[in-house]
Amino acid sequence: MSSPVMVAMSGGVDSSVAAALLMDAGHEVVGVTMKLWGGPSDTGCCAVSDVDDAR
């Protein structure tokens, strides 16, 4: 049995399509994302709640 494949999910179409193609090819896919902002303003391209919604 092969190991799971980890796909960095950027929130864009490319990473989502890559994950879907890997799944269609029979791979176990684990999508990951990281919150790379923080501090007093805690702003960025999306909120933590948006990442939760994507699950």
N, C-alpha and C. Protein backbone atom coordinates (compact mmCIF):
# COMPACT_ATOMS: atom_id res chain seq x y z
N MET A 1 0.84 -1.18 0.00
CA MET A 1 0.00 0.00 0.00
C MET A 1 0.89 1.24 0.00
N SER A 2 0.54 2.23 -0.81
CA SER A 2 1.35 3.45 -0.89
C SER A 2 0.97 4.43 0.22
N SER A 3 1.86 5.35 0.47
CA SER A 3 1.62 6.37 1.48
C SER A 3 0.65 7.42 0.96
N PRO A 4 -0.05 8.11 1.85
CA PRO A 4 -0.93 9.19 1.41
C PRO A 4 -0.12 10.30 0.74
N VAL A 5 -0.77 11.03 -0.15
CA VAL A 5 -0.16 12.16 -0.83
C VAL A 5 -0.68 13.43 -0.17
N MET A 6 0.23 14.32 0.21
CA MET A 6 -0.17 15.59 0.82
C MET A 6 -0.16 16.67 -0.26
N VAL A 7 -1.26 17.41 -0.37
CA VAL A 7 -1.37 18.48 -1.35
C VAL A 7 -1.56 19.79 -0.59
N ALA A 8 -0.69 20.76 -0.89
CA ALA A 8 -0.82 22.09 -0.30
C ALA A 8 -1.97 22.80 -0.99
N MET A 9 -3.04 23.07 -0.25
CA MET A 9 -4.24 23.69 -0.81
C MET A 9 -4.14 25.20 -0.67
N SER A 10 -3.98 25.88 -1.80
CA SER A 10 -3.79 27.33 -1.79
C SER A 10 -5.11 28.09 -1.72
N GLY A 11 -6.17 27.42 -2.04
CA GLY A 11 -7.46 28.09 -2.12
C GLY A 11 -7.83 28.39 -3.56
N GLY A 12 -6.91 28.14 -4.47
CA GLY A 12 -7.16 28.37 -5.88
C GLY A 12 -7.60 27.10 -6.59
N VAL A 13 -7.81 27.24 -7.89
CA VAL A 13 -8.32 26.13 -8.68
C VAL A 13 -7.24 25.07 -8.92
N ASP A 14 -6.00 25.48 -9.15
CA ASP A 14 -4.95 24.53 -9.52
C ASP A 14 -4.73 23.44 -8.48
N SER A 15 -4.62 23.82 -7.22
CA SER A 15 -4.37 22.82 -6.18
C SER A 15 -5.58 21.91 -5.99
N SER A 16 -6.77 22.46 -6.16
CA SER A 16 -7.98 21.64 -6.04
C SER A 16 -8.07 20.63 -7.17
N VAL A 17 -7.75 21.05 -8.38
CA VAL A 17 -7.77 20.14 -9.53
C VAL A 17 -6.69 19.08 -9.37
N ALA A 18 -5.50 19.47 -8.90
CA ALA A 18 -4.43 18.50 -8.68
C ALA A 18 -4.87 17.43 -7.67
N ALA A 19 -5.50 17.86 -6.59
CA ALA A 19 -5.98 16.91 -5.58
C ALA A 19 -7.04 15.99 -6.17
N ALA A 20 -7.95 16.54 -6.95
CA ALA A 20 -9.00 15.72 -7.57
C ALA A 20 -8.42 14.71 -8.55
N LEU A 21 -7.44 15.12 -9.35
CA LEU A 21 -6.82 14.20 -10.30
C LEU A 21 -6.08 13.07 -9.58
N LEU A 22 -5.40 13.41 -8.50
CA LEU A 22 -4.71 12.37 -7.72
C LEU A 22 -5.71 11.38 -7.13
N MET A 23 -6.84 11.90 -6.62
CA MET A 23 -7.87 11.02 -6.07
C MET A 23 -8.45 10.13 -7.16
N ASP A 24 -8.71 10.71 -8.33
CA ASP A 24 -9.24 9.92 -9.45
C ASP A 24 -8.27 8.82 -9.87
N ALA A 25 -6.97 9.07 -9.67
CA ALA A 25 -5.95 8.07 -10.02
C ALA A 25 -5.78 7.02 -8.93
N GLY A 26 -6.57 7.13 -7.86
CA GLY A 26 -6.55 6.11 -6.82
C GLY A 26 -5.69 6.41 -5.61
N HIS A 27 -5.13 7.61 -5.54
CA HIS A 27 -4.29 7.98 -4.40
C HIS A 27 -5.14 8.47 -3.23
N GLU A 28 -4.65 8.21 -2.02
CA GLU A 28 -5.26 8.81 -0.83
C GLU A 28 -4.66 10.20 -0.70
N VAL A 29 -5.50 11.23 -0.72
CA VAL A 29 -5.03 12.62 -0.71
C VAL A 29 -5.40 13.29 0.60
N VAL A 30 -4.42 13.98 1.17
CA VAL A 30 -4.64 14.79 2.36
C VAL A 30 -4.34 16.24 1.98
N GLY A 31 -5.35 17.10 2.06
CA GLY A 31 -5.16 18.51 1.75
C GLY A 31 -4.75 19.28 3.00
N VAL A 32 -3.76 20.16 2.85
CA VAL A 32 -3.30 20.96 3.98
C VAL A 32 -3.24 22.43 3.57
N THR A 33 -3.43 23.29 4.55
CA THR A 33 -3.26 24.72 4.36
C THR A 33 -2.65 25.27 5.64
N MET A 34 -2.04 26.44 5.54
CA MET A 34 -1.41 27.05 6.72
C MET A 34 -1.85 28.50 6.84
N LYS A 35 -2.01 28.95 8.05
CA LYS A 35 -2.28 30.35 8.34
C LYS A 35 -0.92 31.01 8.54
N LEU A 36 -0.54 31.90 7.65
CA LEU A 36 0.79 32.51 7.69
C LEU A 36 0.76 33.97 8.11
N TRP A 37 -0.32 34.44 8.64
CA TRP A 37 -0.39 35.81 9.11
C TRP A 37 -0.80 35.79 10.57
N GLY A 38 -0.72 36.90 11.20
CA GLY A 38 -1.11 36.96 12.60
C GLY A 38 -0.68 38.27 13.21
N GLY A 39 -0.92 38.40 14.46
CA GLY A 39 -0.56 39.63 15.14
C GLY A 39 -1.78 40.46 15.44
N PRO A 40 -1.55 41.69 15.86
CA PRO A 40 -2.67 42.55 16.28
C PRO A 40 -3.74 42.76 15.22
N SER A 41 -3.33 42.94 13.95
CA SER A 41 -4.33 43.20 12.91
C SER A 41 -4.97 41.91 12.42
N ASP A 42 -4.22 40.81 12.43
CA ASP A 42 -4.71 39.48 12.03
C ASP A 42 -5.56 39.51 10.77
N THR A 43 -5.04 40.17 9.74
CA THR A 43 -5.76 40.21 8.46
C THR A 43 -4.95 39.45 7.42
N GLY A 44 -5.59 39.10 6.38
CA GLY A 44 -4.94 38.39 5.29
C GLY A 44 -5.94 38.21 4.17
N CYS A 45 -5.65 37.30 3.29
CA CYS A 45 -6.54 37.10 2.15
C CYS A 45 -7.85 36.45 2.56
N CYS A 46 -7.83 35.77 3.67
CA CYS A 46 -9.04 35.12 4.15
C CYS A 46 -8.95 34.93 5.65
N ALA A 47 -10.05 34.71 6.27
CA ALA A 47 -10.10 34.53 7.72
C ALA A 47 -9.99 33.06 8.07
N VAL A 48 -9.66 32.76 9.30
CA VAL A 48 -9.58 31.38 9.76
C VAL A 48 -10.93 30.69 9.55
N SER A 49 -12.02 31.42 9.74
CA SER A 49 -13.34 30.83 9.52
C SER A 49 -13.53 30.41 8.06
N ASP A 50 -12.90 31.12 7.12
CA ASP A 50 -12.98 30.73 5.71
C ASP A 50 -12.28 29.39 5.47
N VAL A 51 -11.15 29.18 6.15
CA VAL A 51 -10.45 27.90 6.03
C VAL A 51 -11.32 26.78 6.59
N ASP A 52 -11.96 27.03 7.72
CA ASP A 52 -12.86 26.03 8.30
C ASP A 52 -14.02 25.73 7.36
N ASP A 53 -14.57 26.76 6.72
CA ASP A 53 -15.68 26.56 5.78
C ASP A 53 -15.27 25.69 4.60
N ALA A 54 -14.00 25.77 4.19
CA ALA A 54 -13.52 25.01 3.04
C ALA A 54 -13.46 23.51 3.32
N ARG A 55 -13.48 23.14 4.59
CA ARG A 55 -13.42 21.72 4.92
C ARG A 55 -14.71 21.07 4.51
